[in-house]
Amino acid sequence: MLEVVENQLRANNPPETKETLKRLLNEGFNEKEAKQLLAGVVAAEVYEVMKANQPFDPVRFVNALNKLPKLPE
């Protein structure tokens, strides 16, 4: 999941991933902690996609990013 986060950051796609990383760093998380939180959102989205056999939902993903540091259930 961390590799997915790194790819998203490198490609700036979605841009909200980079924005969330900056926000978390400003809130006092170190880079490793912030990226682990981002990876948690990626993992939750992958789980939802596989569980319901549905496509990636960018709205759900961004909503989860906006709720960090609270992780999706």
PDB file of N, CA and C in Angstrom:
ATOM      1  N   MET A   1       0.813  -1.184   0.000  1.00  0.00           N
ATOM      2  CA  MET A   1       0.000   0.000   0.000  1.00  0.00           C
ATOM      3  C   MET A   1       0.868   1.265   0.000  1.00  0.00           C
ATOM      4  N   LEU A   2       2.030   1.172   0.656  1.00  0.00           N
ATOM      5  CA  LEU A   2       2.931   2.337   0.653  1.00  0.00           C
ATOM      6  C   LEU A   2       3.435   2.645  -0.757  1.00  0.00           C
ATOM      7  N   GLU A   3       3.617   1.610  -1.562  1.00  0.00           N
ATOM      8  CA  GLU A   3       4.058   1.835  -2.940  1.00  0.00           C
ATOM      9  C   GLU A   3       2.972   2.570  -3.736  1.00  0.00           C
ATOM     10  N   VAL A   4       1.723   2.230  -3.490  1.00  0.00           N
ATOM     11  CA  VAL A   4       0.619   2.938  -4.146  1.00  0.00           C
ATOM     12  C   VAL A   4       0.638   4.408  -3.733  1.00  0.00           C
ATOM     13  N   VAL A   5       0.833   4.665  -2.442  1.00  0.00           N
ATOM     14  CA  VAL A   5       0.912   6.041  -1.952  1.00  0.00           C
ATOM     15  C   VAL A   5       2.055   6.779  -2.647  1.00  0.00           C
ATOM     16  N   GLU A   6       3.212   6.157  -2.717  1.00  0.00           N
ATOM     17  CA  GLU A   6       4.366   6.789  -3.375  1.00  0.00           C
ATOM     18  C   GLU A   6       4.047   7.095  -4.841  1.00  0.00           C
ATOM     19  N   ASN A   7       3.381   6.166  -5.520  1.00  0.00           N
ATOM     20  CA  ASN A   7       3.014   6.388  -6.921  1.00  0.00           C
ATOM     21  C   ASN A   7       2.027   7.549  -7.052  1.00  0.00           C
ATOM     22  N   GLN A   8       1.062   7.613  -6.146  1.00  0.00           N
ATOM     23  CA  GLN A   8       0.092   8.709  -6.178  1.00  0.00           C
ATOM     24  C   GLN A   8       0.795  10.047  -5.947  1.00  0.00           C
ATOM     25  N   LEU A   9       1.712  10.077  -5.009  1.00  0.00           N
ATOM     26  CA  LEU A   9       2.437  11.316  -4.720  1.00  0.00           C
ATOM     27  C   LEU A   9       3.304  11.730  -5.905  1.00  0.00           C
ATOM     28  N   ARG A  10       3.985  10.772  -6.505  1.00  0.00           N
ATOM     29  CA  ARG A  10       4.874  11.057  -7.627  1.00  0.00           C
ATOM     30  C   ARG A  10       4.081  11.586  -8.830  1.00  0.00           C
ATOM     31  N   ALA A  11       2.926  10.978  -9.094  1.00  0.00           N
ATOM     32  CA  ALA A  11       2.106  11.361 -10.243  1.00  0.00           C
ATOM     33  C   ALA A  11       1.163  12.527  -9.924  1.00  0.00           C
ATOM     34  N   ASN A  12       1.085  12.872  -8.636  1.00  0.00           N
ATOM     35  CA  ASN A  12       0.120  13.878  -8.169  1.00  0.00           C
ATOM     36  C   ASN A  12      -1.287  13.518  -8.635  1.00  0.00           C
ATOM     37  N   ASN A  13      -1.613  12.236  -8.491  1.00  0.00           N
ATOM     38  CA  ASN A  13      -2.904  11.715  -8.923  1.00  0.00           C
ATOM     39  C   ASN A  13      -3.397  10.683  -7.930  1.00  0.00           C
ATOM     40  N   PRO A  14      -4.400  10.976  -7.180  1.00  0.00           N
ATOM     41  CA  PRO A  14      -5.144  12.224  -7.162  1.00  0.00           C
ATOM     42  C   PRO A  14      -4.371  13.284  -6.374  1.00  0.00           C
ATOM     43  N   PRO A  15      -4.569  14.550  -6.713  1.00  0.00           N
ATOM     44  CA  PRO A  15      -3.826  15.612  -6.025  1.00  0.00           C
ATOM     45  C   PRO A  15      -4.147  15.679  -4.532  1.00  0.00           C
ATOM     46  N   GLU A  16      -5.295  15.173  -4.131  1.00  0.00           N
ATOM     47  CA  GLU A  16      -5.675  15.199  -2.724  1.00  0.00           C
ATOM     48  C   GLU A  16      -4.741  14.367  -1.846  1.00  0.00           C
ATOM     49  N   THR A  17      -4.073  13.384  -2.428  1.00  0.00           N
ATOM     50  CA  THR A  17      -3.121  12.589  -1.647  1.00  0.00           C
ATOM     51  C   THR A  17      -1.970  13.475  -1.183  1.00  0.00           C
ATOM     52  N   LYS A  18      -1.410  14.261  -2.100  1.00  0.00           N
ATOM     53  CA  LYS A  18      -0.304  15.157  -1.748  1.00  0.00           C
ATOM     54  C   LYS A  18      -0.778  16.248  -0.789  1.00  0.00           C
ATOM     55  N   GLU A  19      -1.965  16.772  -1.031  1.00  0.00           N
ATOM     56  CA  GLU A  19      -2.527  17.801  -0.149  1.00  0.00           C
ATOM     57  C   GLU A  19      -2.712  17.254   1.269  1.00  0.00           C
ATOM     58  N   THR A  20      -3.172  16.024   1.352  1.00  0.00           N
ATOM     59  CA  THR A  20      -3.383  15.405   2.665  1.00  0.00           C
ATOM     60  C   THR A  20      -2.056  15.149   3.354  1.00  0.00           C
ATOM     61  N   LEU A  21      -1.051  14.721   2.602  1.00  0.00           N
ATOM     62  CA  LEU A  21       0.275  14.520   3.187  1.00  0.00           C
ATOM     63  C   LEU A  21       0.773  15.830   3.791  1.00  0.00           C
ATOM     64  N   LYS A  22       0.663  16.911   3.049  1.00  0.00           N
ATOM     65  CA  LYS A  22       1.111  18.219   3.558  1.00  0.00           C
ATOM     66  C   LYS A  22       0.336  18.606   4.819  1.00  0.00           C
ATOM     67  N   ARG A  23      -0.972  18.367   4.806  1.00  0.00           N
ATOM     68  CA  ARG A  23      -1.795  18.705   5.969  1.00  0.00           C
ATOM     69  C   ARG A  23      -1.366  17.903   7.187  1.00  0.00           C
ATOM     70  N   LEU A  24      -1.152  16.604   7.002  1.00  0.00           N
ATOM     71  CA  LEU A  24      -0.745  15.753   8.121  1.00  0.00           C
ATOM     72  C   LEU A  24       0.620  16.175   8.669  1.00  0.00           C
ATOM     73  N   LEU A  25       1.538  16.535   7.783  1.00  0.00           N
ATOM     74  CA  LEU A  25       2.854  17.000   8.226  1.00  0.00           C
ATOM     75  C   LEU A  25       2.709  18.288   9.033  1.00  0.00           C
ATOM     76  N   ASN A  26       1.832  19.170   8.583  1.00  0.00           N
ATOM     77  CA  ASN A  26       1.591  20.426   9.317  1.00  0.00           C
ATOM     78  C   ASN A  26       0.922  20.176  10.662  1.00  0.00           C
ATOM     79  N   GLU A  27       0.199  19.067  10.785  1.00  0.00           N
ATOM     80  CA  GLU A  27      -0.464  18.715  12.041  1.00  0.00           C
ATOM     81  C   GLU A  27       0.479  18.019  13.017  1.00  0.00           C
ATOM     82  N   GLY A  28       1.732  17.799  12.589  1.00  0.00           N
ATOM     83  CA  GLY A  28       2.721  17.249  13.499  1.00  0.00           C
ATOM     84  C   GLY A  28       3.113  15.806  13.281  1.00  0.00           C
ATOM     85  N   PHE A  29       2.520  15.151  12.295  1.00  0.00           N
ATOM     86  CA  PHE A  29       2.927  13.781  11.985  1.00  0.00           C
ATOM     87  C   PHE A  29       4.234  13.831  11.225  1.00  0.00           C
ATOM     88  N   ASN A  30       5.095  12.831  11.462  1.00  0.00           N
ATOM     89  CA  ASN A  30       6.298  12.778  10.641  1.00  0.00           C
ATOM     90  C   ASN A  30       5.934  12.123   9.301  1.00  0.00           C
ATOM     91  N   GLU A  31       6.852  12.167   8.349  1.00  0.00           N
ATOM     92  CA  GLU A  31       6.558  11.684   6.998  1.00  0.00           C
ATOM     93  C   GLU A  31       6.157  10.202   6.994  1.00  0.00           C
ATOM     94  N   LYS A  32       6.855   9.393   7.765  1.00  0.00           N
ATOM     95  CA  LYS A  32       6.544   7.963   7.802  1.00  0.00           C
ATOM     96  C   LYS A  32       5.134   7.730   8.345  1.00  0.00           C
ATOM     97  N   GLU A  33       4.794   8.404   9.423  1.00  0.00           N
ATOM     98  CA  GLU A  33       3.459   8.256  10.016  1.00  0.00           C
ATOM     99  C   GLU A  33       2.374   8.714   9.039  1.00  0.00           C
ATOM    100  N   ALA A  34       2.610   9.843   8.398  1.00  0.00           N
ATOM    101  CA  ALA A  34       1.623  10.379   7.465  1.00  0.00           C
ATOM    102  C   ALA A  34       1.403   9.432   6.293  1.00  0.00           C
ATOM    103  N   LYS A  35       2.483   8.897   5.755  1.00  0.00           N
ATOM    104  CA  LYS A  35       2.345   7.964   4.628  1.00  0.00           C
ATOM    105  C   LYS A  35       1.661   6.670   5.060  1.00  0.00           C
ATOM    106  N   GLN A  36       1.887   6.238   6.292  1.00  0.00           N
ATOM    107  CA  GLN A  36       1.190   5.053   6.788  1.00  0.00           C
ATOM    108  C   GLN A  36      -0.310   5.310   6.904  1.00  0.00           C
ATOM    109  N   LEU A  37      -0.681   6.505   7.331  1.00  0.00           N
ATOM    110  CA  LEU A  37      -2.101   6.858   7.377  1.00  0.00           C
ATOM    111  C   LEU A  37      -2.698   6.866   5.970  1.00  0.00           C
ATOM    112  N   LEU A  38      -1.983   7.440   5.020  1.00  0.00           N
ATOM    113  CA  LEU A  38      -2.440   7.433   3.633  1.00  0.00           C
ATOM    114  C   LEU A  38      -2.587   6.006   3.113  1.00  0.00           C
ATOM    115  N   ALA A  39      -1.641   5.151   3.457  1.00  0.00           N
ATOM    116  CA  ALA A  39      -1.708   3.750   3.036  1.00  0.00           C
ATOM    117  C   ALA A  39      -2.917   3.055   3.643  1.00  0.00           C
ATOM    118  N   GLY A  40      -3.314   3.459   4.834  1.00  0.00           N
ATOM    119  CA  GLY A  40      -4.512   2.897   5.451  1.00  0.00           C
ATOM    120  C   GLY A  40      -5.755   3.215   4.646  1.00  0.00           C
ATOM    121  N   VAL A  41      -5.820   4.415   4.096  1.00  0.00           N
ATOM    122  CA  VAL A  41      -6.954   4.796   3.252  1.00  0.00           C
ATOM    123  C   VAL A  41      -6.924   3.988   1.954  1.00  0.00           C
ATOM    124  N   VAL A  42      -5.746   3.809   1.378  1.00  0.00           N
ATOM    125  CA  VAL A  42      -5.619   2.995   0.170  1.00  0.00           C
ATOM    126  C   VAL A  42      -6.093   1.571   0.458  1.00  0.00           C
ATOM    127  N   ALA A  43      -5.662   1.007   1.568  1.00  0.00           N
ATOM    128  CA  ALA A  43      -6.046  -0.361   1.920  1.00  0.00           C
ATOM    129  C   ALA A  43      -7.560  -0.474   2.099  1.00  0.00           C
ATOM    130  N   ALA A  44      -8.162   0.513   2.745  1.00  0.00           N
ATOM    131  CA  ALA A  44      -9.607   0.487   2.948  1.00  0.00           C
ATOM    132  C   ALA A  44     -10.346   0.557   1.617  1.00  0.00           C
ATOM    133  N   GLU A  45      -9.852   1.366   0.701  1.00  0.00           N
ATOM    134  CA  GLU A  45     -10.505   1.475  -0.610  1.00  0.00           C
ATOM    135  C   GLU A  45     -10.347   0.175  -1.402  1.00  0.00           C
ATOM    136  N   VAL A  46      -9.172  -0.426  -1.356  1.00  0.00           N
ATOM    137  CA  VAL A  46      -8.959  -1.706  -2.033  1.00  0.00           C
ATOM    138  C   VAL A  46      -9.908  -2.753  -1.456  1.00  0.00           C
ATOM    139  N   TYR A  47     -10.063  -2.772  -0.156  1.00  0.00           N
ATOM    140  CA  TYR A  47     -10.978  -3.704   0.498  1.00  0.00           C
ATOM    141  C   TYR A  47     -12.407  -3.496  -0.002  1.00  0.00           C
ATOM    142  N   GLU A  48     -12.861  -2.250  -0.051  1.00  0.00           N
ATOM    143  CA  GLU A  48     -14.225  -1.962  -0.510  1.00  0.00           C
ATOM    144  C   GLU A  48     -14.423  -2.394  -1.957  1.00  0.00           C
ATOM    145  N   VAL A  49     -13.443  -2.136  -2.799  1.00  0.00           N
ATOM    146  CA  VAL A  49     -13.518  -2.524  -4.214  1.00  0.00           C
ATOM    147  C   VAL A  49     -13.645  -4.038  -4.343  1.00  0.00           C
ATOM    148  N   MET A  50     -12.832  -4.749  -3.590  1.00  0.00           N
ATOM    149  CA  MET A  50     -12.839  -6.215  -3.681  1.00  0.00           C
ATOM    150  C   MET A  50     -14.086  -6.810  -3.032  1.00  0.00           C
ATOM    151  N   LYS A  51     -14.502  -6.265  -1.898  1.00  0.00           N
ATOM    152  CA  LYS A  51     -15.649  -6.797  -1.160  1.00  0.00           C
ATOM    153  C   LYS A  51     -16.928  -6.709  -1.991  1.00  0.00           C
ATOM    154  N   ALA A  52     -17.136  -5.576  -2.613  1.00  0.00           N
ATOM    155  CA  ALA A  52     -18.380  -5.347  -3.339  1.00  0.00           C
ATOM    156  C   ALA A  52     -18.225  -5.536  -4.845  1.00  0.00           C
ATOM    157  N   ASN A  53     -17.018  -5.925  -5.266  1.00  0.00           N
ATOM    158  CA  ASN A  53     -16.746  -6.117  -6.694  1.00  0.00           C
ATOM    159  C   ASN A  53     -17.214  -4.899  -7.494  1.00  0.00           C
ATOM    160  N   GLN A  54     -16.752  -3.736  -7.045  1.00  0.00           N
ATOM    161  CA  GLN A  54     -17.134  -2.483  -7.677  1.00  0.00           C
ATOM    162  C   GLN A  54     -15.892  -1.694  -8.046  1.00  0.00           C
ATOM    163  N   PRO A  55     -16.035  -0.699  -8.908  1.00  0.00           N
ATOM    164  CA  PRO A  55     -14.855   0.090  -9.299  1.00  0.00           C
ATOM    165  C   PRO A  55     -14.400   1.023  -8.185  1.00  0.00           C
ATOM    166  N   PHE A  56     -13.186   1.485  -8.319  1.00  0.00           N
ATOM    167  CA  PHE A  56     -12.620   2.487  -7.429  1.00  0.00           C
ATOM    168  C   PHE A  56     -13.560   3.684  -7.372  1.00  0.00           C
ATOM    169  N   ASP A  57     -13.805   4.175  -6.172  1.00  0.00           N
ATOM    170  CA  ASP A  57     -14.702   5.316  -5.979  1.00  0.00           C
ATOM    171  C   ASP A  57     -13.869   6.516  -5.534  1.00  0.00           C
ATOM    172  N   PRO A  58     -13.547   7.426  -6.462  1.00  0.00           N
ATOM    173  CA  PRO A  58     -12.690   8.557  -6.093  1.00  0.00           C
ATOM    174  C   PRO A  58     -13.313   9.471  -5.039  1.00  0.00           C
ATOM    175  N   VAL A  59     -14.629   9.594  -5.031  1.00  0.00           N
ATOM    176  CA  VAL A  59     -15.287  10.446  -4.028  1.00  0.00           C
ATOM    177  C   VAL A  59     -15.116   9.839  -2.639  1.00  0.00           C
ATOM    178  N   ARG A  60     -15.348   8.544  -2.526  1.00  0.00           N
ATOM    179  CA  ARG A  60     -15.177   7.861  -1.234  1.00  0.00           C
ATOM    180  C   ARG A  60     -13.729   7.967  -0.773  1.00  0.00           C
ATOM    181  N   PHE A  61     -12.789   7.817  -1.707  1.00  0.00           N
ATOM    182  CA  PHE A  61     -11.366   7.874  -1.385  1.00  0.00           C
ATOM    183  C   PHE A  61     -10.993   9.253  -0.844  1.00  0.00           C
ATOM    184  N   VAL A  62     -11.408  10.299  -1.522  1.00  0.00           N
ATOM    185  CA  VAL A  62     -11.076  11.662  -1.091  1.00  0.00           C
ATOM    186  C   VAL A  62     -11.756  11.974   0.243  1.00  0.00           C
ATOM    187  N   ASN A  63     -12.986  11.523   0.421  1.00  0.00           N
ATOM    188  CA  ASN A  63     -13.667  11.727   1.706  1.00  0.00           C
ATOM    189  C   ASN A  63     -12.877  11.081   2.842  1.00  0.00           C
ATOM    190  N   ALA A  64     -12.339   9.898   2.589  1.00  0.00           N
ATOM    191  CA  ALA A  64     -11.537   9.207   3.612  1.00  0.00           C
ATOM    192  C   ALA A  64     -10.247   9.967   3.884  1.00  0.00           C
ATOM    193  N   LEU A  65      -9.626  10.510   2.842  1.00  0.00           N
ATOM    194  CA  LEU A  65      -8.417  11.310   3.034  1.00  0.00           C
ATOM    195  C   LEU A  65      -8.708  12.521   3.907  1.00  0.00           C
ATOM    196  N   ASN A  66      -9.841  13.151   3.666  1.00  0.00           N
ATOM    197  CA  ASN A  66     -10.210  14.356   4.415  1.00  0.00           C
ATOM    198  C   ASN A  66     -10.455  14.074   5.882  1.00  0.00           C
ATOM    199  N   LYS A  67     -10.749  12.825   6.236  1.00  0.00           N
ATOM    200  CA  LYS A  67     -11.031  12.463   7.625  1.00  0.00           C
ATOM    201  C   LYS A  67      -9.772  12.066   8.406  1.00  0.00           C
ATOM    202  N   LEU A  68      -8.664  11.900   7.687  1.00  0.00           N
ATOM    203  CA  LEU A  68      -7.428  11.530   8.392  1.00  0.00           C
ATOM    204  C   LEU A  68      -7.072  12.597   9.406  1.00  0.00           C
ATOM    205  N   PRO A  69      -6.561  12.236  10.555  1.00  0.00           N
ATOM    206  CA  PRO A  69      -5.931  10.965  10.916  1.00  0.00           C
ATOM    207  C   PRO A  69      -6.894   9.851  11.339  1.00  0.00           C
ATOM    208  N   LYS A  70      -8.197  10.110  11.326  1.00  0.00           N
ATOM    209  CA  LYS A  70      -9.140   9.026  11.626  1.00  0.00           C
ATOM    210  C   LYS A  70      -9.204   8.112  10.416  1.00  0.00           C
ATOM    211  N   LEU A  71      -8.869   6.841  10.632  1.00  0.00           N
ATOM    212  CA  LEU A  71      -8.863   5.868   9.555  1.00  0.00           C
ATOM    213  C   LEU A  71     -10.266   5.347   9.270  1.00  0.00           C
ATOM    214  N   PRO A  72     -10.520   4.949   8.018  1.00  0.00           N
ATOM    215  CA  PRO A  72     -11.803   4.319   7.691  1.00  0.00           C
ATOM    216  C   PRO A  72     -11.967   3.013   8.471  1.00  0.00           C
ATOM    217  N   GLU A  73     -13.196   2.687   8.739  1.00  0.00           N
ATOM    218  CA  GLU A  73     -13.448   1.438   9.477  1.00  0.00           C
ATOM    219  C   GLU A  73     -13.426   0.240   8.584  1.00  0.00           C
TER     220      GLU A  73
END
